[in-house]
Amino acid sequence: MASYDRRTGGSRRPPRAGETWWYAAVAGEAAGSFSTRIRTRTRRACLGAVLLLTLVYAGLVLTATGRRWGDAAVTGRRADTRVADFVRDHPSLAGAATLSLVLACLLLVAVGALRRRYALTGAAAAAVAVSVALAGLLQRFAPRPRLAEGAGALAPSGFPSATATLAFGVAFALPLVVPRRSRELVTGAATLWAVVLGAYSVATGDHRPGDVIAGAFLALAVQCGLIALLARRGRVRPGTRRGTALRGLPATLPLALLAAGGLAAGFLLLGETLGLPATAPYDPDELRLAHRCGQALAAGAGAAAGLALLVLVRHVDLDGGPAPYRLGGPFVEDSGAPDQGELVGPFTENRDHEIS
């Protein structure tokens, strides 16, 4: 049967060896449909994360109200006596936070190397490096707010937070290297750890809440872009649908509660804290409220970003390419393909197979 070439306006062309139009139309489309769906889904998620990052930058950095709210959220840590006492009584937490970041990076590489997923480990490490590099570029070239400190001194603040970007980048890269049966548990626990690091950086006055939120969205955008690239190259396939949700429930349930509660409390408090006066003095109660609002929004946004990634890769196996189908029987011989069993297709190798 002669085939049609759409590139020449539907004119007839002689069939090539090993080519069957019915296989390309049926089997090829079925084999690539899953990768196409995952690629479309993750590409849209990447664009959505970039849009949210832009909105955070425009609202909390470029506007005077957003900068004033961020300053109040940071300086309010001193009005919140519980936070101030905790940070003052545990000075070693700064070193522990840095050590945990180093150990997390080593764990990411070690797990991938032990499972012999060298290509995926390299891709995951590259995604983390790209996230941190983009954060550095934004800190250098984007207009940065300045944090108001006690004695009138001004301390610079980076947007987005490199610490939060690194923490969320490692957490979001773990699905590429950990076994799929433990993906939800490991990724959920790592996201909770990243949320804690972001809250600590706000409590110590190193970053504003918007910096932490932007770090989470930046890491999510880069990771979604990487998964979309893997799907474009056909490196994803459907995974099993049983057992994974219950296994990851100890981490995903607290993550979901933190996302819902943090965002709800943050937006409720946001309306009460945006009306701060343009100049000092400020009411300590308002500063304390602004600090708690910022912590809630940062924690909720980080947890929501982790949940969004888990939803995107649910039932998706990232360990390799799609499972091949073997094409054999009289169809291979009739099409002129080499009889070596190397082609893929939906048909069996039974030579008595017929299509009615």
Protein backbone atom coordinates (compact mmCIF):
# COMPACT_ATOMS: atom_id res chain seq x y z
CA MET A 1 0.00 0.00 0.00
CA ALA A 2 1.49 3.32 -1.06
CA SER A 3 1.78 5.94 1.64
CA TYR A 4 1.12 9.65 1.51
CA ASP A 5 3.66 12.32 2.38
CA ARG A 6 2.03 15.37 4.02
CA ARG A 7 5.11 17.47 3.38
CA THR A 8 4.50 17.25 -0.39
CA GLY A 9 0.82 18.02 -0.22
CA GLY A 10 -0.38 14.46 0.09
CA SER A 11 1.39 13.09 -3.00
CA ARG A 12 2.24 9.43 -3.20
CA ARG A 13 5.77 8.31 -2.44
CA PRO A 14 7.24 4.83 -2.43
CA PRO A 15 7.35 3.12 1.01
CA ARG A 16 10.71 2.89 2.68
CA ALA A 17 12.18 -0.22 4.21
CA GLY A 18 10.83 -0.85 7.67
CA GLU A 19 8.13 1.83 7.40
CA THR A 20 4.46 1.14 7.91
CA TRP A 21 1.99 4.01 7.97
CA TRP A 22 -0.39 2.14 10.28
CA TYR A 23 2.32 1.63 12.88
CA ALA A 24 3.32 5.29 12.82
CA ALA A 25 -0.30 6.40 13.11
CA VAL A 26 -1.39 3.97 15.82
CA ALA A 27 1.54 2.62 17.78
CA GLY A 28 3.74 5.70 17.55
CA GLU A 29 0.99 8.04 18.70
CA ALA A 30 0.05 5.72 21.59
CA ALA A 31 3.66 5.39 22.71
CA GLY A 32 4.27 9.14 22.72
CA SER A 33 0.96 10.33 24.15
CA PHE A 34 2.01 9.86 27.78
CA SER A 35 5.28 11.74 27.31
CA THR A 36 3.39 14.48 25.49
CA ARG A 37 0.94 14.89 28.36
CA ILE A 38 3.71 15.04 30.94
CA ARG A 39 5.68 17.51 28.84
CA THR A 40 2.65 19.77 28.40
CA ARG A 41 1.76 19.56 32.08
CA THR A 42 5.23 20.35 33.39
CA ARG A 43 5.81 23.08 30.83
CA ARG A 44 2.65 24.85 31.95
CA ALA A 45 3.68 24.40 35.58
CA CYS A 46 7.06 25.95 34.78
CA LEU A 47 5.42 28.97 33.20
CA GLY A 48 3.02 29.24 36.14
CA ALA A 49 5.90 29.21 38.62
CA VAL A 50 7.68 31.92 36.63
CA LEU A 51 4.49 33.99 36.63
CA LEU A 52 4.12 33.63 40.40
CA LEU A 53 7.77 34.58 40.86
CA THR A 54 7.18 37.69 38.76
CA LEU A 55 4.10 38.62 40.78
CA VAL A 56 6.02 38.23 44.06
CA TYR A 57 8.82 40.42 42.72
CA ALA A 58 6.43 43.08 41.44
CA GLY A 59 4.31 43.14 44.59
CA LEU A 60 6.91 42.81 47.34
CA VAL A 61 9.97 44.42 45.77
CA LEU A 62 8.90 47.05 43.25
CA THR A 63 6.08 48.61 45.29
CA ALA A 64 6.67 50.77 48.34
CA THR A 65 3.87 49.01 50.23
CA GLY A 66 5.43 45.62 49.60
CA ARG A 67 8.87 46.79 50.72
CA ARG A 68 7.42 48.36 53.84
CA TRP A 69 5.55 45.16 54.66
CA GLY A 70 8.72 43.12 54.16
CA ASP A 71 10.70 45.42 56.43
CA ALA A 72 7.98 45.16 59.07
CA ALA A 73 7.95 41.35 58.80
CA VAL A 74 11.70 41.21 59.42
CA THR A 75 11.92 43.82 62.16
CA GLY A 76 8.87 42.28 63.80
CA ARG A 77 10.98 39.28 64.82
CA ARG A 78 12.27 41.41 67.71
CA ALA A 79 8.75 42.30 68.81
CA ASP A 80 7.87 38.59 68.84
CA THR A 81 9.55 37.59 72.09
CA ARG A 82 9.20 33.86 71.52
CA VAL A 83 11.06 34.00 68.23
CA ALA A 84 13.70 36.39 69.57
CA ASP A 85 14.33 34.26 72.65
CA PHE A 86 14.55 31.06 70.60
CA VAL A 87 17.10 32.49 68.17
CA ARG A 88 19.12 34.04 70.98
CA ASP A 89 19.17 30.84 73.07
CA HIS A 90 20.21 28.63 70.14
CA PRO A 91 23.08 30.36 68.33
CA SER A 92 24.39 27.05 67.00
CA LEU A 93 21.39 26.73 64.69
CA ALA A 94 23.13 28.91 62.10
CA GLY A 95 25.94 26.39 61.73
CA ALA A 96 23.48 23.50 61.78
CA ALA A 97 21.51 25.07 58.93
CA THR A 98 24.64 25.40 56.80
CA LEU A 99 25.71 21.86 57.62
CA SER A 100 22.29 20.50 56.69
CA LEU A 101 22.53 22.16 53.28
CA VAL A 102 25.90 20.55 52.62
CA LEU A 103 24.68 17.14 53.78
CA ALA A 104 21.54 17.45 51.64
CA CYS A 105 23.60 18.12 48.52
CA LEU A 106 25.85 15.15 49.29
CA LEU A 107 22.82 12.95 49.95
CA LEU A 108 21.32 13.88 46.59
CA VAL A 109 24.46 12.83 44.74
CA ALA A 110 25.06 9.76 46.90
CA VAL A 111 21.58 8.32 46.44
CA GLY A 112 21.77 8.72 42.68
CA ALA A 113 25.25 7.18 42.54
CA LEU A 114 24.28 4.22 44.71
CA ARG A 115 21.27 3.53 42.48
CA ARG A 116 23.47 3.93 39.40
CA ARG A 117 21.28 6.65 37.96
CA TYR A 118 24.25 8.66 36.80
CA ALA A 119 22.52 10.61 34.05
CA LEU A 120 19.56 11.55 36.26
CA THR A 121 21.90 12.43 39.12
CA GLY A 122 23.82 14.76 36.85
CA ALA A 123 20.58 16.31 35.64
CA ALA A 124 19.34 16.79 39.22
CA ALA A 125 22.62 18.38 40.30
CA ALA A 126 22.58 20.61 37.22
CA ALA A 127 19.03 21.74 38.05
CA VAL A 128 20.13 22.72 41.56
CA ALA A 129 23.14 24.57 40.17
CA VAL A 130 21.00 26.40 37.61
CA SER A 131 18.52 27.42 40.31
CA VAL A 132 21.26 28.87 42.52
CA ALA A 133 22.89 30.57 39.53
CA LEU A 134 19.61 32.20 38.51
CA ALA A 135 19.10 33.35 42.09
CA GLY A 136 22.55 34.94 42.01
CA LEU A 137 21.79 36.68 38.72
CA LEU A 138 18.52 38.05 40.07
CA GLN A 139 20.29 39.26 43.21
CA ARG A 140 22.91 41.02 41.14
CA PHE A 141 20.86 42.61 38.37
CA ALA A 142 17.33 42.94 39.79
CA PRO A 143 16.61 45.90 42.09
CA ARG A 144 17.00 44.67 45.66
CA PRO A 145 15.21 45.90 48.77
CA ARG A 146 17.11 46.87 51.88
CA LEU A 147 16.24 45.72 55.36
CA ALA A 148 15.83 48.33 58.05
CA GLU A 149 17.79 47.41 61.15
CA GLY A 150 17.65 48.71 64.69
CA ALA A 151 20.10 51.61 64.84
CA GLY A 152 19.24 53.00 61.44
CA ALA A 153 21.77 50.75 59.72
CA LEU A 154 20.78 49.14 56.46
CA ALA A 155 21.57 45.51 55.67
CA PRO A 156 21.23 44.25 52.09
CA SER A 157 18.80 41.45 51.33
CA GLY A 158 18.90 39.19 48.30
CA PHE A 159 15.90 38.45 46.12
CA PRO A 160 15.42 35.55 45.88
CA SER A 161 17.08 33.91 48.84
CA ALA A 162 20.01 31.75 47.76
CA THR A 163 19.64 29.62 50.89
CA ALA A 164 15.96 28.94 50.22
CA THR A 165 16.63 28.33 46.53
CA LEU A 166 19.31 25.77 47.34
CA ALA A 167 17.16 24.02 49.96
CA PHE A 168 14.06 23.81 47.76
CA GLY A 169 16.17 22.93 44.73
CA VAL A 170 17.63 19.89 46.50
CA ALA A 171 14.20 18.87 47.82
CA PHE A 172 12.59 19.16 44.38
CA ALA A 173 15.46 17.28 42.69
CA LEU A 174 15.08 14.21 44.91
CA PRO A 175 12.26 12.67 42.80
CA LEU A 176 14.81 12.13 40.04
CA VAL A 177 17.11 9.93 42.13
CA VAL A 178 15.05 8.25 44.87
CA PRO A 179 12.98 5.11 44.19
CA ARG A 180 9.47 5.87 43.09
CA ARG A 181 7.90 3.92 45.96
CA SER A 182 9.49 6.32 48.47
CA ARG A 183 9.27 9.50 46.38
CA GLU A 184 6.39 11.11 48.28
CA LEU A 185 7.89 10.35 51.68
CA VAL A 186 11.40 11.57 50.88
CA THR A 187 10.37 14.62 48.85
CA GLY A 188 7.72 15.64 51.39
CA ALA A 189 10.16 15.38 54.29
CA ALA A 190 12.81 17.32 52.35
CA THR A 191 10.28 20.05 51.52
CA LEU A 192 9.38 20.38 55.20
CA TRP A 193 13.09 20.75 55.96
CA ALA A 194 13.40 23.48 53.31
CA VAL A 195 10.39 25.29 54.80
CA VAL A 196 12.03 25.21 58.24
CA LEU A 197 15.27 26.65 56.81
CA GLY A 198 13.30 29.44 55.14
CA ALA A 199 11.48 30.25 58.37
CA TYR A 200 14.79 30.35 60.24
CA SER A 201 16.32 32.78 57.72
CA VAL A 202 13.35 35.13 58.23
CA ALA A 203 13.54 34.74 62.03
CA THR A 204 17.22 35.70 62.05
CA GLY A 205 16.63 38.71 59.79
CA ASP A 206 18.73 37.40 56.90
CA HIS A 207 15.89 37.51 54.40
CA ARG A 208 12.42 38.87 53.92
CA PRO A 209 9.47 36.49 53.46
CA GLY A 210 9.26 37.41 49.77
CA ASP A 211 12.84 36.23 49.27
CA VAL A 212 11.98 32.78 50.61
CA ILE A 213 8.77 32.53 48.57
CA ALA A 214 10.65 33.50 45.42
CA GLY A 215 13.30 30.86 46.13
CA ALA A 216 10.65 28.13 46.28
CA PHE A 217 9.01 29.25 43.03
CA LEU A 218 12.35 29.56 41.25
CA ALA A 219 13.38 26.03 42.23
CA LEU A 220 9.97 24.71 41.15
CA ALA A 221 10.22 26.40 37.76
CA VAL A 222 13.67 24.96 37.04
CA GLN A 223 12.65 21.47 38.14
CA CYS A 224 9.48 21.51 36.04
CA GLY A 225 11.52 22.65 33.06
CA LEU A 226 13.92 19.74 33.55
CA ILE A 227 11.10 17.18 33.74
CA ALA A 228 9.54 18.68 30.61
CA LEU A 229 12.88 18.23 28.85
CA LEU A 230 13.08 14.60 30.00
CA ALA A 231 9.55 14.01 28.72
CA ARG A 232 10.47 15.56 25.38
CA ARG A 233 13.32 13.08 25.08
CA GLY A 234 11.01 10.19 25.96
CA ARG A 235 12.61 9.47 29.33
CA VAL A 236 9.36 9.16 31.27
CA ARG A 237 6.86 6.32 31.42
CA PRO A 238 3.74 5.43 33.38
CA GLY A 239 4.33 4.12 36.89
CA THR A 240 2.34 1.93 39.18
CA ARG A 241 -0.71 3.47 40.85
CA ARG A 242 -0.80 1.39 44.01
CA GLY A 243 0.90 1.74 47.37
CA THR A 244 2.80 4.99 46.87
CA ALA A 245 0.21 7.39 48.32
CA LEU A 246 -0.16 5.58 51.65
CA ARG A 247 3.58 5.14 51.97
CA GLY A 248 4.19 8.89 51.68
CA LEU A 249 1.25 9.97 53.84
CA PRO A 250 3.39 10.70 56.97
CA ALA A 251 5.11 13.50 55.02
CA THR A 252 2.51 14.61 52.51
CA LEU A 253 -0.28 15.06 55.07
CA PRO A 254 1.68 17.55 57.24
CA LEU A 255 2.81 19.24 54.04
CA ALA A 256 -0.78 19.64 52.86
CA LEU A 257 -1.91 20.95 56.24
CA LEU A 258 0.99 23.41 56.31
CA ALA A 259 0.22 24.64 52.81
CA ALA A 260 -3.48 25.14 53.48
CA GLY A 261 -3.07 26.59 56.97
CA GLY A 262 -0.10 28.78 56.11
CA LEU A 263 -1.65 30.35 53.04
CA ALA A 264 -5.03 30.82 54.73
CA ALA A 265 -3.54 32.42 57.85
CA GLY A 266 -1.10 34.49 55.83
CA PHE A 267 -3.72 36.00 53.53
CA LEU A 268 -6.04 36.67 56.45
CA LEU A 269 -3.30 38.53 58.32
CA LEU A 270 -2.04 40.26 55.19
CA GLY A 271 -5.00 42.59 55.04
CA GLU A 272 -4.34 43.74 58.59
CA THR A 273 -0.62 44.35 58.10
CA LEU A 274 -0.53 46.16 54.74
CA GLY A 275 -1.87 49.34 56.30
CA LEU A 276 1.32 50.16 58.20
CA PRO A 277 2.26 53.85 58.35
CA ALA A 278 4.85 55.07 55.90
CA THR A 279 7.22 56.25 58.65
CA ALA A 280 8.18 55.14 62.14
CA PRO A 281 7.30 54.74 64.95
CA TYR A 282 5.40 51.48 64.45
CA ASP A 283 3.17 49.68 66.86
CA PRO A 284 5.00 46.59 68.23
CA ASP A 285 1.79 44.59 67.93
CA GLU A 286 1.57 45.42 64.24
CA LEU A 287 5.21 44.45 63.70
CA ARG A 288 4.67 41.16 65.50
CA LEU A 289 1.61 40.50 63.37
CA ALA A 290 3.51 41.30 60.18
CA HIS A 291 6.29 38.87 61.16
CA ARG A 292 3.83 36.06 61.78
CA CYS A 293 2.03 36.86 58.54
CA GLY A 294 5.29 36.66 56.62
CA GLN A 295 6.25 33.37 58.24
CA ALA A 296 2.85 31.90 57.44
CA LEU A 297 2.95 32.98 53.80
CA ALA A 298 6.50 31.74 53.30
CA ALA A 299 5.76 28.36 54.88
CA GLY A 300 2.49 27.94 52.99
CA ALA A 301 3.98 28.89 49.63
CA GLY A 302 6.96 26.55 50.07
CA ALA A 303 4.75 23.65 51.11
CA ALA A 304 2.35 24.31 48.21
CA ALA A 305 5.26 24.29 45.75
CA GLY A 306 6.37 20.89 47.04
CA LEU A 307 2.85 19.49 46.80
CA ALA A 308 2.50 20.84 43.25
CA LEU A 309 5.64 19.00 42.17
CA LEU A 310 4.46 15.75 43.77
CA VAL A 311 1.13 16.04 41.97
CA LEU A 312 2.88 16.68 38.65
CA VAL A 313 5.07 13.56 38.88
CA ARG A 314 2.45 11.31 40.44
CA HIS A 315 2.17 8.00 38.57
CA VAL A 316 5.22 9.02 36.52
CA ASP A 317 8.33 6.85 36.43
CA LEU A 318 11.42 9.00 35.92
CA ASP A 319 13.96 6.16 36.05
CA GLY A 320 14.15 5.56 32.33
CA GLY A 321 12.51 5.62 28.95
CA PRO A 322 9.21 4.07 27.95
CA ALA A 323 8.96 0.30 27.98
CA PRO A 324 9.45 -0.91 24.38
CA TYR A 325 7.08 -3.12 22.45
CA ARG A 326 8.51 -5.79 20.16
CA LEU A 327 7.25 -5.97 16.60
CA GLY A 328 7.49 -9.30 14.83
CA GLY A 329 5.62 -11.73 12.66
CA PRO A 330 4.58 -11.33 9.03
CA PHE A 331 4.10 -7.55 9.37
CA VAL A 332 7.84 -7.04 9.74
CA GLU A 333 8.58 -9.20 6.75
CA ASP A 334 5.93 -7.57 4.56
CA SER A 335 7.15 -4.09 5.41
CA GLY A 336 10.70 -4.93 4.43
CA ALA A 337 12.13 -4.32 7.90
CA PRO A 338 15.22 -6.24 9.05
CA ASP A 339 14.17 -9.42 10.81
CA GLN A 340 16.24 -8.75 13.94
CA GLY A 341 13.52 -8.08 16.53
CA GLU A 342 14.81 -4.57 17.18
CA LEU A 343 11.75 -2.62 16.11
CA VAL A 344 9.09 -1.63 18.57
CA GLY A 345 5.35 -1.97 18.16
CA PRO A 346 2.13 -3.16 19.74
CA PHE A 347 2.02 -6.53 18.01
CA THR A 348 3.18 -9.95 19.15
CA GLU A 349 5.79 -12.18 17.60
CA ASN A 350 3.22 -14.84 16.79
CA ARG A 351 3.53 -15.46 13.05
CA ASP A 352 -0.08 -16.61 12.89
CA HIS A 353 -1.32 -13.26 14.19
CA GLU A 354 -3.97 -11.66 11.98
CA ILE A 355 -5.98 -8.48 12.04
CA SER A 356 -9.64 -8.98 11.29
